[in-house]
Amino acid sequence: MSSEVSRRQALGLGAGILAIAVAGRAQPAQAAKNDAAELIKAFAGGKEPARSKVKLDLPEIAENGNTVPMTVSVESPMTPQSYVTDIMVVADGNPRAGVVTFHFTPASGVAEANTRIRLAETQNVIAVARMNDGSVHMASKEVKVTIGGCGG
């Protein structure tokens, strides 16, 4: 039995490896459609959010979109009779609009959250708060991004 590989066998082996590599190659990712409006509509249950009670603290200019500091708060007594149940934050210029959702109870004491978010480009950041009585409130702020944070 010969341990040498003929030219024909080598070419066949190479063609097989190439076929497997091409067939198994991942397809390029398709750019996701930003779904900010749909997310807000679903979160608000179809109601039109009032532009009140919500405060969104973000820098006007973000040097780096990878780590943009954000604070969101809602005016609420946070009592069992009146409190914030959820705050959703969306970014209308990111490939995927949903950024974060915070959940609260009266035991939270205050409806406020601090975090850092990623922004792909200059865009609006929108915070929508849902209250225990079903009312919905919102605020938005444009943030100018000099270096994108979502692969941009």
Protein backbone atom coordinates (compact mmCIF):
# COMPACT_ATOMS: atom_id res chain seq x y z
CA MET A 1 0.00 0.00 0.00
CA SER A 2 1.45 3.31 -1.12
CA SER A 3 1.42 6.33 1.19
CA GLU A 4 1.88 8.75 -1.70
CA VAL A 5 -1.07 10.81 -2.89
CA SER A 6 -1.55 11.15 -6.61
CA ARG A 7 -2.03 14.50 -8.26
CA ARG A 8 -5.66 13.60 -9.03
CA GLN A 9 -6.36 12.70 -5.39
CA ALA A 10 -4.75 15.93 -4.16
CA LEU A 11 -6.84 18.02 -6.54
CA GLY A 12 -10.00 16.17 -5.52
CA LEU A 13 -9.23 16.67 -1.83
CA GLY A 14 -8.54 20.39 -2.38
CA ALA A 15 -11.78 20.82 -4.34
CA GLY A 16 -13.73 19.09 -1.58
CA ILE A 17 -12.25 21.30 1.13
CA LEU A 18 -12.99 24.41 -0.95
CA ALA A 19 -16.60 23.29 -1.49
CA ILE A 20 -17.10 22.74 2.22
CA ALA A 21 -15.55 26.13 3.06
CA VAL A 22 -17.75 27.99 0.54
CA ALA A 23 -20.95 26.16 1.50
CA GLY A 24 -20.34 26.59 5.23
CA ARG A 25 -19.39 30.27 5.05
CA ALA A 26 -21.68 32.52 7.06
CA GLN A 27 -23.80 34.92 5.08
CA PRO A 28 -23.19 38.63 5.72
CA ALA A 29 -25.48 40.08 8.38
CA GLN A 30 -28.36 42.09 7.05
CA ALA A 31 -28.78 45.56 8.51
CA ALA A 32 -31.64 45.44 10.97
CA LYS A 33 -34.49 47.88 10.50
CA ASN A 34 -34.81 50.29 13.41
CA ASP A 35 -38.10 49.52 15.14
CA ALA A 36 -38.27 52.41 17.65
CA ALA A 37 -41.83 53.47 16.73
CA GLU A 38 -43.15 49.90 16.97
CA LEU A 39 -41.45 49.32 20.33
CA ILE A 40 -42.90 52.53 21.77
CA LYS A 41 -46.39 51.75 20.45
CA ALA A 42 -46.30 48.23 21.94
CA PHE A 43 -44.90 49.45 25.28
CA ALA A 44 -47.53 52.22 25.51
CA GLY A 45 -50.33 49.82 24.62
CA GLY A 46 -51.34 52.01 21.69
CA LYS A 47 -51.70 55.13 23.86
CA GLU A 48 -50.05 58.40 22.92
CA PRO A 49 -47.36 59.14 25.58
CA ALA A 50 -47.62 62.54 27.26
CA ARG A 51 -44.47 64.66 27.17
CA SER A 52 -44.30 65.05 30.94
CA LYS A 53 -42.88 63.58 34.16
CA VAL A 54 -39.86 61.91 32.47
CA LYS A 55 -36.39 63.45 32.69
CA LEU A 56 -33.62 62.15 30.44
CA ASP A 57 -30.08 63.25 31.28
CA LEU A 58 -27.59 62.62 28.46
CA PRO A 59 -24.63 64.59 27.12
CA GLU A 60 -25.35 66.79 24.08
CA ILE A 61 -22.17 65.50 22.44
CA ALA A 62 -20.81 62.00 23.02
CA GLU A 63 -17.12 61.69 22.11
CA ASN A 64 -17.44 57.91 22.00
CA GLY A 65 -20.72 56.15 21.24
CA ASN A 66 -19.53 53.02 23.07
CA THR A 67 -20.07 54.47 26.55
CA VAL A 68 -22.63 57.27 26.73
CA PRO A 69 -23.67 58.02 30.34
CA MET A 70 -27.43 58.21 30.85
CA THR A 71 -29.75 58.90 33.76
CA VAL A 72 -33.50 58.56 33.40
CA SER A 73 -35.96 59.55 36.13
CA VAL A 74 -39.71 60.00 36.51
CA GLU A 75 -41.59 62.33 38.86
CA SER A 76 -43.61 59.94 41.01
CA PRO A 77 -44.37 59.56 44.72
CA MET A 78 -43.67 55.80 44.35
CA THR A 79 -46.47 54.84 46.73
CA PRO A 80 -48.76 51.82 46.31
CA GLN A 81 -51.39 54.23 44.94
CA SER A 82 -49.12 55.94 42.38
CA TYR A 83 -45.86 54.55 41.03
CA VAL A 84 -43.82 53.88 37.91
CA THR A 85 -43.93 50.25 36.78
CA ASP A 86 -41.47 50.37 33.85
CA ILE A 87 -39.19 52.69 31.90
CA MET A 88 -38.13 51.71 28.39
CA VAL A 89 -35.27 53.47 26.58
CA VAL A 90 -34.94 53.33 22.79
CA ALA A 91 -32.46 54.85 20.34
CA ASP A 92 -33.91 55.69 16.94
CA GLY A 93 -30.59 55.47 15.06
CA ASN A 94 -29.19 52.19 16.36
CA PRO A 95 -29.52 49.02 14.27
CA ARG A 96 -31.81 47.70 17.00
CA ALA A 97 -33.79 50.41 18.76
CA GLY A 98 -34.31 48.74 22.15
CA VAL A 99 -31.63 49.85 24.59
CA VAL A 100 -32.88 48.89 28.06
CA THR A 101 -36.06 48.45 30.13
CA PHE A 102 -36.10 49.12 33.87
CA HIS A 103 -38.77 47.68 36.19
CA PHE A 104 -39.93 49.35 39.41
CA THR A 105 -42.25 48.77 42.35
CA PRO A 106 -43.34 51.13 45.17
CA ALA A 107 -40.50 49.58 47.22
CA SER A 108 -38.00 51.08 44.75
CA GLY A 109 -38.49 54.39 46.55
CA VAL A 110 -37.49 56.44 43.51
CA ALA A 111 -38.00 55.94 39.78
CA GLU A 112 -34.46 56.59 38.59
CA ALA A 113 -31.80 54.56 36.82
CA ASN A 114 -28.21 55.29 35.74
CA THR A 115 -26.28 53.36 33.13
CA ARG A 116 -24.08 53.70 30.06
CA ILE A 117 -25.52 53.04 26.63
CA ARG A 118 -24.14 52.48 23.11
CA LEU A 119 -25.12 54.76 20.25
CA ALA A 120 -24.20 54.04 16.63
CA GLU A 121 -24.55 57.62 15.38
CA THR A 122 -26.09 60.99 16.13
CA GLN A 123 -29.70 60.22 17.05
CA ASN A 124 -32.62 60.68 19.41
CA VAL A 125 -32.76 58.73 22.64
CA ILE A 126 -36.32 58.27 23.88
CA ALA A 127 -37.45 57.23 27.37
CA VAL A 128 -41.04 56.06 27.89
CA ALA A 129 -42.45 55.48 31.38
CA ARG A 130 -45.52 53.40 32.19
CA MET A 131 -47.39 54.18 35.42
CA ASN A 132 -49.46 51.79 37.53
CA ASP A 133 -52.66 53.62 36.47
CA GLY A 134 -51.90 52.86 32.81
CA SER A 135 -50.80 56.36 31.84
CA VAL A 136 -47.69 56.71 29.69
CA HIS A 137 -45.15 59.55 29.68
CA MET A 138 -42.03 60.23 27.65
CA ALA A 139 -39.02 62.44 27.00
CA SER A 140 -36.45 62.49 24.23
CA LYS A 141 -33.07 64.05 23.62
CA GLU A 142 -30.78 64.22 20.62
CA VAL A 143 -27.20 63.10 21.23
CA LYS A 144 -24.48 63.98 18.72
CA VAL A 145 -22.03 61.08 18.44
CA THR A 146 -18.52 61.70 17.06
CA ILE A 147 -17.36 58.03 17.05
CA GLY A 148 -20.13 55.42 16.68
CA GLY A 149 -20.48 52.61 19.22
CA CYS A 150 -22.36 49.93 17.28
CA GLY A 151 -19.72 48.93 14.81
CA GLY A 152 -19.73 52.39 13.20
